[in-house]
Amino acid sequence: MARHSDAQEKLITQILIAIFICTIICIIAITAHTVLLWQDLNHQLHLLNPEKFPLLPWYKLIF
């Protein structure tokens, strides 16, 4: 197996770090979007039937 040079190893490390950071940002964005969708659904259900579907705070929609 060929040995990578130091410059190649630094580049590979930077690419892996960039992929990791992008993955974390994507997870945060997907989670935030899901919470907004759940809030909207909760609000729509509350408008249809307030007694059966009380408005819930965002953290109760997740847990």
N, C-alpha and C. Protein backbone atom coordinates (compact mmCIF):
# COMPACT_ATOMS: atom_id res chain seq x y z
N MET A 1 0.85 -1.18 0.00
CA MET A 1 0.00 0.00 0.00
C MET A 1 0.89 1.24 0.00
N ALA A 2 0.57 2.18 -0.86
CA ALA A 2 1.39 3.39 -0.98
C ALA A 2 1.18 4.29 0.23
N ARG A 3 2.25 4.91 0.67
CA ARG A 3 2.19 5.83 1.81
C ARG A 3 1.77 7.21 1.32
N HIS A 4 0.84 7.82 2.03
CA HIS A 4 0.40 9.17 1.68
C HIS A 4 1.42 10.19 2.18
N SER A 5 1.56 11.28 1.45
CA SER A 5 2.43 12.36 1.91
C SER A 5 1.70 13.14 3.00
N ASP A 6 2.45 14.00 3.69
CA ASP A 6 1.85 14.79 4.77
C ASP A 6 0.76 15.71 4.22
N ALA A 7 1.00 16.28 3.03
CA ALA A 7 0.00 17.17 2.43
C ALA A 7 -1.28 16.41 2.12
N GLN A 8 -1.15 15.18 1.63
CA GLN A 8 -2.33 14.37 1.33
C GLN A 8 -3.07 14.01 2.61
N GLU A 9 -2.34 13.69 3.65
CA GLU A 9 -2.98 13.35 4.93
C GLU A 9 -3.71 14.55 5.51
N LYS A 10 -3.13 15.75 5.40
CA LYS A 10 -3.80 16.95 5.88
C LYS A 10 -5.07 17.21 5.08
N LEU A 11 -5.00 17.03 3.77
CA LEU A 11 -6.16 17.24 2.92
C LEU A 11 -7.27 16.24 3.26
N ILE A 12 -6.91 14.98 3.43
CA ILE A 12 -7.89 13.96 3.80
C ILE A 12 -8.52 14.30 5.15
N THR A 13 -7.71 14.73 6.10
CA THR A 13 -8.23 15.12 7.42
C THR A 13 -9.18 16.29 7.30
N GLN A 14 -8.83 17.30 6.51
CA GLN A 14 -9.71 18.46 6.33
C GLN A 14 -11.02 18.07 5.67
N ILE A 15 -10.95 17.18 4.69
CA ILE A 15 -12.18 16.73 4.03
C ILE A 15 -13.07 15.97 5.01
N LEU A 16 -12.48 15.11 5.82
CA LEU A 16 -13.27 14.35 6.80
C LEU A 16 -13.90 15.28 7.84
N ILE A 17 -13.16 16.29 8.27
CA ILE A 17 -13.70 17.26 9.23
C ILE A 17 -14.86 18.03 8.58
N ALA A 18 -14.69 18.43 7.31
CA ALA A 18 -15.76 19.16 6.61
C ALA A 18 -17.01 18.29 6.48
N ILE A 19 -16.83 17.01 6.14
CA ILE A 19 -17.97 16.10 6.03
C ILE A 19 -18.67 15.96 7.39
N PHE A 20 -17.89 15.84 8.46
CA PHE A 20 -18.46 15.71 9.80
C PHE A 20 -19.26 16.96 10.17
N ILE A 21 -18.71 18.14 9.91
CA ILE A 21 -19.40 19.39 10.24
C ILE A 21 -20.68 19.52 9.42
N CYS A 22 -20.62 19.20 8.13
CA CYS A 22 -21.83 19.25 7.29
C CYS A 22 -22.89 18.27 7.77
N THR A 23 -22.46 17.11 8.22
CA THR A 23 -23.41 16.12 8.74
C THR A 23 -24.12 16.65 9.99
N ILE A 24 -23.35 17.26 10.89
CA ILE A 24 -23.94 17.84 12.11
C ILE A 24 -24.93 18.95 11.74
N ILE A 25 -24.56 19.81 10.80
CA ILE A 25 -25.46 20.90 10.38
C ILE A 25 -26.73 20.33 9.76
N CYS A 26 -26.60 19.29 8.96
CA CYS A 26 -27.78 18.67 8.35
C CYS A 26 -28.69 18.05 9.39
N ILE A 27 -28.12 17.39 10.38
CA ILE A 27 -28.93 16.79 11.45
C ILE A 27 -29.69 17.87 12.21
N ILE A 28 -29.02 18.97 12.52
CA ILE A 28 -29.68 20.09 13.22
C ILE A 28 -30.80 20.66 12.36
N ALA A 29 -30.55 20.85 11.06
CA ALA A 29 -31.56 21.43 10.18
C ALA A 29 -32.76 20.50 10.04
N ILE A 30 -32.52 19.21 9.89
CA ILE A 30 -33.63 18.26 9.76
C ILE A 30 -34.46 18.22 11.05
N THR A 31 -33.78 18.25 12.19
CA THR A 31 -34.49 18.24 13.47
C THR A 31 -35.34 19.49 13.63
N ALA A 32 -34.77 20.65 13.30
CA ALA A 32 -35.53 21.90 13.41
C ALA A 32 -36.74 21.89 12.48
N HIS A 33 -36.55 21.40 11.27
CA HIS A 33 -37.65 21.34 10.31
C HIS A 33 -38.74 20.40 10.82
N THR A 34 -38.35 19.28 11.37
CA THR A 34 -39.33 18.32 11.90
C THR A 34 -40.13 18.94 13.05
N VAL A 35 -39.44 19.68 13.93
CA VAL A 35 -40.14 20.34 15.03
C VAL A 35 -41.15 21.35 14.49
N LEU A 36 -40.76 22.12 13.47
CA LEU A 36 -41.69 23.09 12.89
C LEU A 36 -42.89 22.39 12.27
N LEU A 37 -42.67 21.25 11.61
CA LEU A 37 -43.79 20.51 11.03
C LEU A 37 -44.72 19.99 12.12
N TRP A 38 -44.15 19.47 13.22
CA TRP A 38 -44.97 18.98 14.33
C TRP A 38 -45.75 20.11 14.97
N GLN A 39 -45.12 21.30 15.10
CA GLN A 39 -45.82 22.46 15.66
C GLN A 39 -47.00 22.85 14.78
N ASP A 40 -46.78 22.86 13.47
CA ASP A 40 -47.86 23.22 12.54
C ASP A 40 -48.99 22.20 12.62
N LEU A 41 -48.64 20.91 12.66
CA LEU A 41 -49.66 19.87 12.77
C LEU A 41 -50.44 20.02 14.07
N ASN A 42 -49.73 20.26 15.17
CA ASN A 42 -50.38 20.45 16.47
C ASN A 42 -51.32 21.65 16.43
N HIS A 43 -50.90 22.72 15.78
CA HIS A 43 -51.73 23.92 15.69
C HIS A 43 -52.98 23.64 14.85
N GLN A 44 -52.82 22.94 13.73
CA GLN A 44 -53.97 22.63 12.87
C GLN A 44 -54.97 21.72 13.60
N LEU A 45 -54.46 20.72 14.31
CA LEU A 45 -55.34 19.84 15.07
C LEU A 45 -56.05 20.61 16.19
N HIS A 46 -55.34 21.54 16.81
CA HIS A 46 -55.93 22.35 17.87
C HIS A 46 -57.07 23.21 17.31
N LEU A 47 -56.89 23.73 16.10
CA LEU A 47 -57.95 24.54 15.50
C LEU A 47 -59.18 23.68 15.18
N LEU A 48 -58.96 22.42 14.82
CA LEU A 48 -60.09 21.53 14.51
C LEU A 48 -60.85 21.11 15.77
N ASN A 49 -60.11 20.79 16.82
CA ASN A 49 -60.73 20.29 18.04
C ASN A 49 -59.89 20.72 19.25
N PRO A 50 -60.15 21.91 19.80
CA PRO A 50 -59.32 22.43 20.90
C PRO A 50 -59.35 21.58 22.18
N GLU A 51 -60.49 20.91 22.45
CA GLU A 51 -60.57 20.11 23.67
C GLU A 51 -59.69 18.86 23.59
N LYS A 52 -59.68 18.24 22.43
CA LYS A 52 -58.94 16.99 22.28
C LYS A 52 -57.45 17.22 22.02
N PHE A 53 -57.11 18.34 21.36
CA PHE A 53 -55.72 18.62 20.99
C PHE A 53 -55.29 19.97 21.56
N PRO A 54 -54.79 19.98 22.77
CA PRO A 54 -54.30 21.26 23.32
C PRO A 54 -53.00 21.67 22.63
N LEU A 55 -52.74 22.96 22.64
CA LEU A 55 -51.48 23.45 22.07
C LEU A 55 -50.34 23.03 22.99
N LEU A 56 -49.32 22.42 22.42
CA LEU A 56 -48.19 21.94 23.20
C LEU A 56 -46.96 22.78 22.89
N PRO A 57 -46.09 22.98 23.89
CA PRO A 57 -44.82 23.66 23.60
C PRO A 57 -43.94 22.77 22.73
N TRP A 58 -42.98 23.37 22.05
CA TRP A 58 -42.18 22.64 21.07
C TRP A 58 -41.44 21.45 21.67
N TYR A 59 -40.95 21.57 22.92
CA TYR A 59 -40.17 20.47 23.50
C TYR A 59 -41.04 19.27 23.85
N LYS A 60 -42.33 19.47 24.07
CA LYS A 60 -43.22 18.34 24.33
C LYS A 60 -43.59 17.62 23.05
N LEU A 61 -43.36 18.26 21.90
CA LEU A 61 -43.64 17.60 20.62
C LEU A 61 -42.55 16.60 20.28
N ILE A 62 -41.36 16.77 20.86
CA ILE A 62 -40.25 15.87 20.56
C ILE A 62 -40.24 14.69 21.51
N PHE A 63 -40.38 14.95 22.80
CA PHE A 63 -40.22 13.89 23.81
C PHE A 63 -41.54 13.31 24.24
